[in-house]
ModelCIF file with pLDDT and N, C-alpha, C, O atoms, coordinates in Angstrom:
data_MODEL
#
_entry.id   MODEL 
#
_entity.id                         1 
_entity.type                       polymer 
_entity.pdbx_number_of_molecules   1 
#
_entity_poly.entity_id                      1 
_entity_poly.type                           'polypeptide(L)' 
_entity_poly.nstd_linkage                   no 
_entity_poly.nstd_monomer                   no 
_entity_poly.pdbx_seq_one_letter_code       AWSYNPAGLWLFLIMACQIPFRSYQLWRISRGRPEIVLPWALQFTL 
_entity_poly.pdbx_seq_one_letter_code_can   AWSYNPAGLWLFLIMACQIPFRSYQLWRISRGRPEIVLPWALQFTL 
_entity_poly.pdbx_strand_id                 A 
#
loop_
_entity_poly_seq.entity_id 
_entity_poly_seq.num 
_entity_poly_seq.mon_id 
_entity_poly_seq.hetero 
1 1  ALA n 
1 2  TRP n 
1 3  SER n 
1 4  TYR n 
1 5  ASN n 
1 6  PRO n 
1 7  ALA n 
1 8  GLY n 
1 9  LEU n 
1 10 TRP n 
1 11 LEU n 
1 12 PHE n 
1 13 LEU n 
1 14 ILE n 
1 15 MET n 
1 16 ALA n 
1 17 CYS n 
1 18 GLN n 
1 19 ILE n 
1 20 PRO n 
1 21 PHE n 
1 22 ARG n 
1 23 SER n 
1 24 TYR n 
1 25 GLN n 
1 26 LEU n 
1 27 TRP n 
1 28 ARG n 
1 29 ILE n 
1 30 SER n 
1 31 ARG n 
1 32 GLY n 
1 33 ARG n 
1 34 PRO n 
1 35 GLU n 
1 36 ILE n 
1 37 VAL n 
1 38 LEU n 
1 39 PRO n 
1 40 TRP n 
1 41 ALA n 
1 42 LEU n 
1 43 GLN n 
1 44 PHE n 
1 45 THR n 
1 46 LEU n 
#
_struct_asym.id          A 
_struct_asym.entity_id   1 
#
loop_
_ma_qa_metric.id 
_ma_qa_metric.mode 
_ma_qa_metric.name 
_ma_qa_metric.software_group_id 
_ma_qa_metric.type 
1 global pLDDT . pLDDT 
2 local  pLDDT . pLDDT 
#
_ma_qa_metric_global.metric_id      1 
_ma_qa_metric_global.metric_value   89.89 
_ma_qa_metric_global.model_id       1 
_ma_qa_metric_global.ordinal_id     1 
#
loop_
_ma_qa_metric_local.label_asym_id 
_ma_qa_metric_local.label_comp_id 
_ma_qa_metric_local.label_seq_id 
_ma_qa_metric_local.metric_id 
_ma_qa_metric_local.metric_value 
_ma_qa_metric_local.model_id 
_ma_qa_metric_local.ordinal_id 
A ALA 1  2 94.00 1 1  
A TRP 2  2 91.00 1 2  
A SER 3  2 90.00 1 3  
A TYR 4  2 90.00 1 4  
A ASN 5  2 89.00 1 5  
A PRO 6  2 88.00 1 6  
A ALA 7  2 88.00 1 7  
A GLY 8  2 90.00 1 8  
A LEU 9  2 90.00 1 9  
A TRP 10 2 86.00 1 10 
A LEU 11 2 88.00 1 11 
A PHE 12 2 90.00 1 12 
A LEU 13 2 88.00 1 13 
A ILE 14 2 85.00 1 14 
A MET 15 2 87.00 1 15 
A ALA 16 2 89.00 1 16 
A CYS 17 2 88.00 1 17 
A GLN 18 2 88.00 1 18 
A ILE 19 2 93.00 1 19 
A PRO 20 2 94.00 1 20 
A PHE 21 2 91.00 1 21 
A ARG 22 2 92.00 1 22 
A SER 23 2 95.00 1 23 
A TYR 24 2 95.00 1 24 
A GLN 25 2 94.00 1 25 
A LEU 26 2 95.00 1 26 
A TRP 27 2 96.00 1 27 
A ARG 28 2 95.00 1 28 
A ILE 29 2 95.00 1 29 
A SER 30 2 95.00 1 30 
A ARG 31 2 95.00 1 31 
A GLY 32 2 95.00 1 32 
A ARG 33 2 95.00 1 33 
A PRO 34 2 93.00 1 34 
A GLU 35 2 89.00 1 35 
A ILE 36 2 89.00 1 36 
A VAL 37 2 87.00 1 37 
A LEU 38 2 83.00 1 38 
A PRO 39 2 82.00 1 39 
A TRP 40 2 87.00 1 40 
A ALA 41 2 83.00 1 41 
A LEU 42 2 83.00 1 42 
A GLN 43 2 86.00 1 43 
A PHE 44 2 89.00 1 44 
A THR 45 2 85.00 1 45 
A LEU 46 2 85.00 1 46 
#
loop_
_atom_site.group_PDB 
_atom_site.id 
_atom_site.type_symbol 
_atom_site.label_atom_id 
_atom_site.label_alt_id 
_atom_site.label_comp_id 
_atom_site.label_asym_id 
_atom_site.label_entity_id 
_atom_site.label_seq_id 
_atom_site.pdbx_PDB_ins_code 
_atom_site.Cartn_x 
_atom_site.Cartn_y 
_atom_site.Cartn_z 
_atom_site.occupancy 
_atom_site.B_iso_or_equiv 
_atom_site.pdbx_formal_charge 
_atom_site.auth_seq_id 
_atom_site.auth_comp_id 
_atom_site.auth_asym_id 
_atom_site.auth_atom_id 
_atom_site.pdbx_PDB_model_num 
ATOM 1   N N  . ALA A 1 1  ? 28.663 -71.670 71.335 1.00 94.00 ? 1  ALA A N  1 
ATOM 2   C CA . ALA A 1 1  ? 27.565 -71.906 72.272 1.00 94.00 ? 1  ALA A CA 1 
ATOM 3   C C  . ALA A 1 1  ? 26.493 -72.768 71.619 1.00 94.00 ? 1  ALA A C  1 
ATOM 4   O O  . ALA A 1 1  ? 25.976 -73.697 72.240 1.00 94.00 ? 1  ALA A O  1 
ATOM 5   N N  . TRP A 1 2  ? 26.161 -72.465 70.382 1.00 91.00 ? 2  TRP A N  1 
ATOM 6   C CA . TRP A 1 2  ? 25.155 -73.244 69.644 1.00 91.00 ? 2  TRP A CA 1 
ATOM 7   C C  . TRP A 1 2  ? 25.607 -74.686 69.481 1.00 91.00 ? 2  TRP A C  1 
ATOM 8   O O  . TRP A 1 2  ? 24.796 -75.606 69.589 1.00 91.00 ? 2  TRP A O  1 
ATOM 9   N N  . SER A 1 3  ? 26.885 -74.890 69.223 1.00 90.00 ? 3  SER A N  1 
ATOM 10  C CA . SER A 1 3  ? 27.379 -76.251 69.007 1.00 90.00 ? 3  SER A CA 1 
ATOM 11  C C  . SER A 1 3  ? 27.365 -77.083 70.295 1.00 90.00 ? 3  SER A C  1 
ATOM 12  O O  . SER A 1 3  ? 27.209 -78.303 70.235 1.00 90.00 ? 3  SER A O  1 
ATOM 13  N N  . TYR A 1 4  ? 27.522 -76.450 71.436 1.00 90.00 ? 4  TYR A N  1 
ATOM 14  C CA . TYR A 1 4  ? 27.511 -77.194 72.699 1.00 90.00 ? 4  TYR A CA 1 
ATOM 15  C C  . TYR A 1 4  ? 26.102 -77.621 73.095 1.00 90.00 ? 4  TYR A C  1 
ATOM 16  O O  . TYR A 1 4  ? 25.880 -78.771 73.474 1.00 90.00 ? 4  TYR A O  1 
ATOM 17  N N  . ASN A 1 5  ? 25.153 -76.694 73.004 1.00 89.00 ? 5  ASN A N  1 
ATOM 18  C CA . ASN A 1 5  ? 23.761 -77.016 73.339 1.00 89.00 ? 5  ASN A CA 1 
ATOM 19  C C  . ASN A 1 5  ? 22.872 -75.887 72.830 1.00 89.00 ? 5  ASN A C  1 
ATOM 20  O O  . ASN A 1 5  ? 22.819 -74.822 73.444 1.00 89.00 ? 5  ASN A O  1 
ATOM 21  N N  . PRO A 1 6  ? 22.168 -76.104 71.709 1.00 88.00 ? 6  PRO A N  1 
ATOM 22  C CA . PRO A 1 6  ? 21.332 -75.041 71.146 1.00 88.00 ? 6  PRO A CA 1 
ATOM 23  C C  . PRO A 1 6  ? 20.255 -74.533 72.112 1.00 88.00 ? 6  PRO A C  1 
ATOM 24  O O  . PRO A 1 6  ? 19.918 -73.349 72.091 1.00 88.00 ? 6  PRO A O  1 
ATOM 25  N N  . ALA A 1 7  ? 19.724 -75.397 72.940 1.00 88.00 ? 7  ALA A N  1 
ATOM 26  C CA . ALA A 1 7  ? 18.704 -74.969 73.899 1.00 88.00 ? 7  ALA A CA 1 
ATOM 27  C C  . ALA A 1 7  ? 19.286 -74.065 74.978 1.00 88.00 ? 7  ALA A C  1 
ATOM 28  O O  . ALA A 1 7  ? 18.546 -73.354 75.658 1.00 88.00 ? 7  ALA A O  1 
ATOM 29  N N  . GLY A 1 8  ? 20.597 -74.087 75.140 1.00 90.00 ? 8  GLY A N  1 
ATOM 30  C CA . GLY A 1 8  ? 21.248 -73.225 76.118 1.00 90.00 ? 8  GLY A CA 1 
ATOM 31  C C  . GLY A 1 8  ? 21.082 -71.755 75.804 1.00 90.00 ? 8  GLY A C  1 
ATOM 32  O O  . GLY A 1 8  ? 21.102 -70.919 76.707 1.00 90.00 ? 8  GLY A O  1 
ATOM 33  N N  . LEU A 1 9  ? 20.919 -71.432 74.530 1.00 90.00 ? 9  LEU A N  1 
ATOM 34  C CA . LEU A 1 9  ? 20.694 -70.038 74.148 1.00 90.00 ? 9  LEU A CA 1 
ATOM 35  C C  . LEU A 1 9  ? 19.378 -69.535 74.731 1.00 90.00 ? 9  LEU A C  1 
ATOM 36  O O  . LEU A 1 9  ? 19.300 -68.405 75.213 1.00 90.00 ? 9  LEU A O  1 
ATOM 37  N N  . TRP A 1 10 ? 18.341 -70.378 74.688 1.00 86.00 ? 10 TRP A N  1 
ATOM 38  C CA . TRP A 1 10 ? 17.045 -70.015 75.275 1.00 86.00 ? 10 TRP A CA 1 
ATOM 39  C C  . TRP A 1 10 ? 17.175 -69.865 76.788 1.00 86.00 ? 10 TRP A C  1 
ATOM 40  O O  . TRP A 1 10 ? 16.665 -68.909 77.372 1.00 86.00 ? 10 TRP A O  1 
ATOM 41  N N  . LEU A 1 11 ? 17.852 -70.805 77.406 1.00 88.00 ? 11 LEU A N  1 
ATOM 42  C CA . LEU A 1 11 ? 18.014 -70.750 78.854 1.00 88.00 ? 11 LEU A CA 1 
ATOM 43  C C  . LEU A 1 11 ? 18.790 -69.505 79.271 1.00 88.00 ? 11 LEU A C  1 
ATOM 44  O O  . LEU A 1 11 ? 18.443 -68.859 80.260 1.00 88.00 ? 11 LEU A O  1 
ATOM 45  N N  . PHE A 1 12 ? 19.826 -69.171 78.530 1.00 90.00 ? 12 PHE A N  1 
ATOM 46  C CA . PHE A 1 12 ? 20.616 -67.979 78.822 1.00 90.00 ? 12 PHE A CA 1 
ATOM 47  C C  . PHE A 1 12 ? 19.751 -66.730 78.693 1.00 90.00 ? 12 PHE A C  1 
ATOM 48  O O  . PHE A 1 12 ? 19.833 -65.825 79.524 1.00 90.00 ? 12 PHE A O  1 
ATOM 49  N N  . LEU A 1 13 ? 18.925 -66.680 77.651 1.00 88.00 ? 13 LEU A N  1 
ATOM 50  C CA . LEU A 1 13 ? 18.032 -65.532 77.447 1.00 88.00 ? 13 LEU A CA 1 
ATOM 51  C C  . LEU A 1 13 ? 17.035 -65.414 78.608 1.00 88.00 ? 13 LEU A C  1 
ATOM 52  O O  . LEU A 1 13 ? 16.782 -64.320 79.113 1.00 88.00 ? 13 LEU A O  1 
ATOM 53  N N  . ILE A 1 14 ? 16.481 -66.547 79.015 1.00 85.00 ? 14 ILE A N  1 
ATOM 54  C CA . ILE A 1 14 ? 15.538 -66.546 80.141 1.00 85.00 ? 14 ILE A CA 1 
ATOM 55  C C  . ILE A 1 14 ? 16.227 -66.041 81.405 1.00 85.00 ? 14 ILE A C  1 
ATOM 56  O O  . ILE A 1 14 ? 15.667 -65.234 82.146 1.00 85.00 ? 14 ILE A O  1 
ATOM 57  N N  . MET A 1 15 ? 17.435 -66.518 81.642 1.00 87.00 ? 15 MET A N  1 
ATOM 58  C CA . MET A 1 15 ? 18.169 -66.097 82.836 1.00 87.00 ? 15 MET A CA 1 
ATOM 59  C C  . MET A 1 15 ? 18.522 -64.609 82.757 1.00 87.00 ? 15 MET A C  1 
ATOM 60  O O  . MET A 1 15 ? 18.440 -63.900 83.761 1.00 87.00 ? 15 MET A O  1 
ATOM 61  N N  . ALA A 1 16 ? 18.910 -64.138 81.584 1.00 89.00 ? 16 ALA A N  1 
ATOM 62  C CA . ALA A 1 16 ? 19.268 -62.729 81.427 1.00 89.00 ? 16 ALA A CA 1 
ATOM 63  C C  . ALA A 1 16 ? 18.063 -61.822 81.626 1.00 89.00 ? 16 ALA A C  1 
ATOM 64  O O  . ALA A 1 16 ? 18.206 -60.716 82.147 1.00 89.00 ? 16 ALA A O  1 
ATOM 65  N N  . CYS A 1 17 ? 16.884 -62.269 81.221 1.00 88.00 ? 17 CYS A N  1 
ATOM 66  C CA . CYS A 1 17 ? 15.666 -61.468 81.402 1.00 88.00 ? 17 CYS A CA 1 
ATOM 67  C C  . CYS A 1 17 ? 15.266 -61.357 82.868 1.00 88.00 ? 17 CYS A C  1 
ATOM 68  O O  . CYS A 1 17 ? 14.498 -60.470 83.240 1.00 88.00 ? 17 CYS A O  1 
ATOM 69  N N  . GLN A 1 18 ? 15.778 -62.244 83.688 1.00 88.00 ? 18 GLN A N  1 
ATOM 70  C CA . GLN A 1 18 ? 15.463 -62.198 85.110 1.00 88.00 ? 18 GLN A CA 1 
ATOM 71  C C  . GLN A 1 18 ? 16.057 -60.961 85.783 1.00 88.00 ? 18 GLN A C  1 
ATOM 72  O O  . GLN A 1 18 ? 15.488 -60.452 86.749 1.00 88.00 ? 18 GLN A O  1 
ATOM 73  N N  . ILE A 1 19 ? 17.181 -60.479 85.290 1.00 93.00 ? 19 ILE A N  1 
ATOM 74  C CA . ILE A 1 19 ? 17.853 -59.350 85.940 1.00 93.00 ? 19 ILE A CA 1 
ATOM 75  C C  . ILE A 1 19 ? 16.989 -58.090 85.911 1.00 93.00 ? 19 ILE A C  1 
ATOM 76  O O  . ILE A 1 19 ? 16.743 -57.512 86.970 1.00 93.00 ? 19 ILE A O  1 
ATOM 77  N N  . PRO A 1 20 ? 16.515 -57.635 84.740 1.00 94.00 ? 20 PRO A N  1 
ATOM 78  C CA . PRO A 1 20 ? 15.662 -56.434 84.779 1.00 94.00 ? 20 PRO A CA 1 
ATOM 79  C C  . PRO A 1 20 ? 14.313 -56.687 85.458 1.00 94.00 ? 20 PRO A C  1 
ATOM 80  O O  . PRO A 1 20 ? 13.794 -55.812 86.152 1.00 94.00 ? 20 PRO A O  1 
ATOM 81  N N  . PHE A 1 21 ? 13.744 -57.882 85.260 1.00 91.00 ? 21 PHE A N  1 
ATOM 82  C CA . PHE A 1 21 ? 12.448 -58.170 85.874 1.00 91.00 ? 21 PHE A CA 1 
ATOM 83  C C  . PHE A 1 21 ? 12.545 -58.162 87.386 1.00 91.00 ? 21 PHE A C  1 
ATOM 84  O O  . PHE A 1 21 ? 11.709 -57.557 88.056 1.00 91.00 ? 21 PHE A O  1 
ATOM 85  N N  . ARG A 1 22 ? 13.550 -58.823 87.932 1.00 92.00 ? 22 ARG A N  1 
ATOM 86  C CA . ARG A 1 22 ? 13.705 -58.865 89.391 1.00 92.00 ? 22 ARG A CA 1 
ATOM 87  C C  . ARG A 1 22 ? 14.069 -57.488 89.949 1.00 92.00 ? 22 ARG A C  1 
ATOM 88  O O  . ARG A 1 22 ? 13.647 -57.136 91.050 1.00 92.00 ? 22 ARG A O  1 
ATOM 89  N N  . SER A 1 23 ? 14.841 -56.716 89.204 1.00 95.00 ? 23 SER A N  1 
ATOM 90  C CA . SER A 1 23 ? 15.170 -55.355 89.638 1.00 95.00 ? 23 SER A CA 1 
ATOM 91  C C  . SER A 1 23 ? 13.911 -54.502 89.709 1.00 95.00 ? 23 SER A C  1 
ATOM 92  O O  . SER A 1 23 ? 13.720 -53.740 90.657 1.00 95.00 ? 23 SER A O  1 
ATOM 93  N N  . TYR A 1 24 ? 13.056 -54.634 88.702 1.00 95.00 ? 24 TYR A N  1 
ATOM 94  C CA . TYR A 1 24 ? 11.794 -53.906 88.699 1.00 95.00 ? 24 TYR A CA 1 
ATOM 95  C C  . TYR A 1 24 ? 10.906 -54.357 89.859 1.00 95.00 ? 24 TYR A C  1 
ATOM 96  O O  . TYR A 1 24 ? 10.245 -53.533 90.492 1.00 95.00 ? 24 TYR A O  1 
ATOM 97  N N  . GLN A 1 25 ? 10.890 -55.647 90.135 1.00 94.00 ? 25 GLN A N  1 
ATOM 98  C CA . GLN A 1 25 ? 10.117 -56.158 91.266 1.00 94.00 ? 25 GLN A CA 1 
ATOM 99  C C  . GLN A 1 25 ? 10.605 -55.539 92.578 1.00 94.00 ? 25 GLN A C  1 
ATOM 100 O O  . GLN A 1 25 ? 9.800  -55.101 93.399 1.00 94.00 ? 25 GLN A O  1 
ATOM 101 N N  . LEU A 1 26 ? 11.902 -55.507 92.768 1.00 95.00 ? 26 LEU A N  1 
ATOM 102 C CA . LEU A 1 26 ? 12.457 -54.920 93.992 1.00 95.00 ? 26 LEU A CA 1 
ATOM 103 C C  . LEU A 1 26 ? 12.112 -53.438 94.095 1.00 95.00 ? 26 LEU A C  1 
ATOM 104 O O  . LEU A 1 26 ? 11.815 -52.939 95.180 1.00 95.00 ? 26 LEU A O  1 
ATOM 105 N N  . TRP A 1 27 ? 12.152 -52.741 92.971 1.00 96.00 ? 27 TRP A N  1 
ATOM 106 C CA . TRP A 1 27 ? 11.797 -51.328 92.958 1.00 96.00 ? 27 TRP A CA 1 
ATOM 107 C C  . TRP A 1 27 ? 10.338 -51.144 93.370 1.00 96.00 ? 27 TRP A C  1 
ATOM 108 O O  . TRP A 1 27 ? 10.025 -50.262 94.170 1.00 96.00 ? 27 TRP A O  1 
ATOM 109 N N  . ARG A 1 28 ? 9.440  -51.975 92.825 1.00 95.00 ? 28 ARG A N  1 
ATOM 110 C CA . ARG A 1 28 ? 8.013  -51.899 93.163 1.00 95.00 ? 28 ARG A CA 1 
ATOM 111 C C  . ARG A 1 28 ? 7.793  -52.172 94.654 1.00 95.00 ? 28 ARG A C  1 
ATOM 112 O O  . ARG A 1 28 ? 7.057  -51.447 95.323 1.00 95.00 ? 28 ARG A O  1 
ATOM 113 N N  . ILE A 1 29 ? 8.425  -53.205 95.157 1.00 95.00 ? 29 ILE A N  1 
ATOM 114 C CA . ILE A 1 29 ? 8.250  -53.569 96.564 1.00 95.00 ? 29 ILE A CA 1 
ATOM 115 C C  . ILE A 1 29 ? 8.777  -52.463 97.479 1.00 95.00 ? 29 ILE A C  1 
ATOM 116 O O  . ILE A 1 29 ? 8.173  -52.166 98.510 1.00 95.00 ? 29 ILE A O  1 
ATOM 117 N N  . SER A 1 30 ? 9.896  -51.858 97.102 1.00 95.00 ? 30 SER A N  1 
ATOM 118 C CA . SER A 1 30 ? 10.459 -50.783 97.934 1.00 95.00 ? 30 SER A CA 1 
ATOM 119 C C  . SER A 1 30 ? 9.558  -49.552 97.954 1.00 95.00 ? 30 SER A C  1 
ATOM 120 O O  . SER A 1 30 ? 9.650  -48.741 98.876 1.00 95.00 ? 30 SER A O  1 
ATOM 121 N N  . ARG A 1 31 ? 8.700  -49.400 96.965 1.00 95.00 ? 31 ARG A N  1 
ATOM 122 C CA . ARG A 1 31 ? 7.756  -48.280 96.901 1.00 95.00 ? 31 ARG A CA 1 
ATOM 123 C C  . ARG A 1 31 ? 6.399  -48.639 97.524 1.00 95.00 ? 31 ARG A C  1 
ATOM 124 O O  . ARG A 1 31 ? 5.459  -47.845 97.479 1.00 95.00 ? 31 ARG A O  1 
ATOM 125 N N  . GLY A 1 32 ? 6.311  -49.835 98.101 1.00 95.00 ? 32 GLY A N  1 
ATOM 126 C CA . GLY A 1 32 ? 5.076  -50.247 98.751 1.00 95.00 ? 32 GLY A CA 1 
ATOM 127 C C  . GLY A 1 32 ? 4.035  -50.818 97.802 1.00 95.00 ? 32 GLY A C  1 
ATOM 128 O O  . GLY A 1 32 ? 2.893  -51.038 98.205 1.00 95.00 ? 32 GLY A O  1 
ATOM 129 N N  . ARG A 1 33 ? 4.397  -51.054 96.582 1.00 95.00 ? 33 ARG A N  1 
ATOM 130 C CA . ARG A 1 33 ? 3.474  -51.636 95.610 1.00 95.00 ? 33 ARG A CA 1 
ATOM 131 C C  . ARG A 1 33 ? 3.561  -53.157 95.666 1.00 95.00 ? 33 ARG A C  1 
ATOM 132 O O  . ARG A 1 33 ? 4.588  -53.709 96.062 1.00 95.00 ? 33 ARG A O  1 
ATOM 133 N N  . PRO A 1 34 ? 2.497  -53.829 95.275 1.00 93.00 ? 34 PRO A N  1 
ATOM 134 C CA . PRO A 1 34 ? 2.547  -55.300 95.280 1.00 93.00 ? 34 PRO A CA 1 
ATOM 135 C C  . PRO A 1 34 ? 3.438  -55.818 94.147 1.00 93.00 ? 34 PRO A C  1 
ATOM 136 O O  . PRO A 1 34 ? 3.582  -55.182 93.103 1.00 93.00 ? 34 PRO A O  1 
ATOM 137 N N  . GLU A 1 35 ? 4.019  -56.969 94.380 1.00 89.00 ? 35 GLU A N  1 
ATOM 138 C CA . GLU A 1 35 ? 4.846  -57.543 93.320 1.00 89.00 ? 35 GLU A CA 1 
ATOM 139 C C  . GLU A 1 35 ? 3.968  -58.083 92.199 1.00 89.00 ? 35 GLU A C  1 
ATOM 140 O O  . GLU A 1 35 ? 2.801  -58.413 92.408 1.00 89.00 ? 35 GLU A O  1 
ATOM 141 N N  . ILE A 1 36 ? 4.534  -58.165 91.038 1.00 89.00 ? 36 ILE A N  1 
ATOM 142 C CA . ILE A 1 36 ? 3.831  -58.688 89.869 1.00 89.00 ? 36 ILE A CA 1 
ATOM 143 C C  . ILE A 1 36 ? 3.933  -60.213 89.921 1.00 89.00 ? 36 ILE A C  1 
ATOM 144 O O  . ILE A 1 36 ? 5.026  -60.766 90.040 1.00 89.00 ? 36 ILE A O  1 
ATOM 145 N N  . VAL A 1 37 ? 2.807  -60.872 89.834 1.00 87.00 ? 37 VAL A N  1 
ATOM 146 C CA . VAL A 1 37 ? 2.772  -62.329 89.875 1.00 87.00 ? 37 VAL A CA 1 
ATOM 147 C C  . VAL A 1 37 ? 2.359  -62.816 88.492 1.00 87.00 ? 37 VAL A C  1 
ATOM 148 O O  . VAL A 1 37 ? 1.284  -62.479 87.996 1.00 87.00 ? 37 VAL A O  1 
ATOM 149 N N  . LEU A 1 38 ? 3.225  -63.608 87.883 1.00 83.00 ? 38 LEU A N  1 
ATOM 150 C CA . LEU A 1 38 ? 2.981  -64.120 86.539 1.00 83.00 ? 38 LEU A CA 1 
ATOM 151 C C  . LEU A 1 38 ? 3.074  -65.643 86.520 1.00 83.00 ? 38 LEU A C  1 
ATOM 152 O O  . LEU A 1 38 ? 4.021  -66.181 85.946 1.00 83.00 ? 38 LEU A O  1 
ATOM 153 N N  . PRO A 1 39 ? 2.125  -66.355 87.126 1.00 82.00 ? 39 PRO A N  1 
ATOM 154 C CA . PRO A 1 39 ? 2.237  -67.817 87.174 1.00 82.00 ? 39 PRO A CA 1 
ATOM 155 C C  . PRO A 1 39 ? 2.187  -68.455 85.790 1.00 82.00 ? 39 PRO A C  1 
ATOM 156 O O  . PRO A 1 39 ? 2.826  -69.483 85.565 1.00 82.00 ? 39 PRO A O  1 
ATOM 157 N N  . TRP A 1 40 ? 1.448  -67.870 84.868 1.00 87.00 ? 40 TRP A N  1 
ATOM 158 C CA . TRP A 1 40 ? 1.362  -68.411 83.513 1.00 87.00 ? 40 TRP A CA 1 
ATOM 159 C C  . TRP A 1 40 ? 2.690  -68.262 82.783 1.00 87.00 ? 40 TRP A C  1 
ATOM 160 O O  . TRP A 1 40 ? 3.057  -69.123 81.983 1.00 87.00 ? 40 TRP A O  1 
ATOM 161 N N  . ALA A 1 41 ? 3.412  -67.178 83.051 1.00 83.00 ? 41 ALA A N  1 
ATOM 162 C CA . ALA A 1 41 ? 4.688  -66.939 82.369 1.00 83.00 ? 41 ALA A CA 1 
ATOM 163 C C  . ALA A 1 41 ? 5.725  -67.972 82.784 1.00 83.00 ? 41 ALA A C  1 
ATOM 164 O O  . ALA A 1 41 ? 6.505  -68.440 81.955 1.00 83.00 ? 41 ALA A O  1 
ATOM 165 N N  . LEU A 1 42 ? 5.736  -68.326 84.052 1.00 83.00 ? 42 LEU A N  1 
ATOM 166 C CA . LEU A 1 42 ? 6.678  -69.331 84.525 1.00 83.00 ? 42 LEU A CA 1 
ATOM 167 C C  . LEU A 1 42 ? 6.397  -70.678 83.878 1.00 83.00 ? 42 LEU A C  1 
ATOM 168 O O  . LEU A 1 42 ? 7.314  -71.348 83.403 1.00 83.00 ? 42 LEU A O  1 
ATOM 169 N N  . GLN A 1 43 ? 5.150  -71.068 83.859 1.00 86.00 ? 43 GLN A N  1 
ATOM 170 C CA . GLN A 1 43 ? 4.782  -72.350 83.250 1.00 86.00 ? 43 GLN A CA 1 
ATOM 171 C C  . GLN A 1 43 ? 5.085  -72.353 81.758 1.00 86.00 ? 43 GLN A C  1 
ATOM 172 O O  . GLN A 1 43 ? 5.582  -73.348 81.231 1.00 86.00 ? 43 GLN A O  1 
ATOM 173 N N  . PHE A 1 44 ? 4.794  -71.266 81.080 1.00 89.00 ? 44 PHE A N  1 
ATOM 174 C CA . PHE A 1 44 ? 5.056  -71.157 79.647 1.00 89.00 ? 44 PHE A CA 1 
ATOM 175 C C  . PHE A 1 44 ? 6.551  -71.225 79.363 1.00 89.00 ? 44 PHE A C  1 
ATOM 176 O O  . PHE A 1 44 ? 6.984  -71.920 78.444 1.00 89.00 ? 44 PHE A O  1 
ATOM 177 N N  . THR A 1 45 ? 7.332  -70.505 80.151 1.00 85.00 ? 45 THR A N  1 
ATOM 178 C CA . THR A 1 45 ? 8.782  -70.487 79.971 1.00 85.00 ? 45 THR A CA 1 
ATOM 179 C C  . THR A 1 45 ? 9.389  -71.860 80.223 1.00 85.00 ? 45 THR A C  1 
ATOM 180 O O  . THR A 1 45 ? 10.239 -72.314 79.457 1.00 85.00 ? 45 THR A O  1 
ATOM 181 N N  . LEU A 1 46 ? 8.961  -72.518 81.285 1.00 85.00 ? 46 LEU A N  1 
ATOM 182 C CA . LEU A 1 46 ? 9.487  -73.850 81.576 1.00 85.00 ? 46 LEU A CA 1 
ATOM 183 C C  . LEU A 1 46 ? 9.082  -74.860 80.508 1.00 85.00 ? 46 LEU A C  1 
ATOM 184 O O  . LEU A 1 46 ? 9.442  -76.033 80.599 1.00 85.00 ? 46 LEU A O  1 
#
């Protein structure tokens, strides 16, 4: 994986972190709580 594209490891990690974060968001919304908005995190990650 490193030999094909070293930056792909970061992208894969970012994508993998989306699964628990989005699951937690869905759990919060289903309980009537507001979703967590992290505009700075998106810009920083990108």
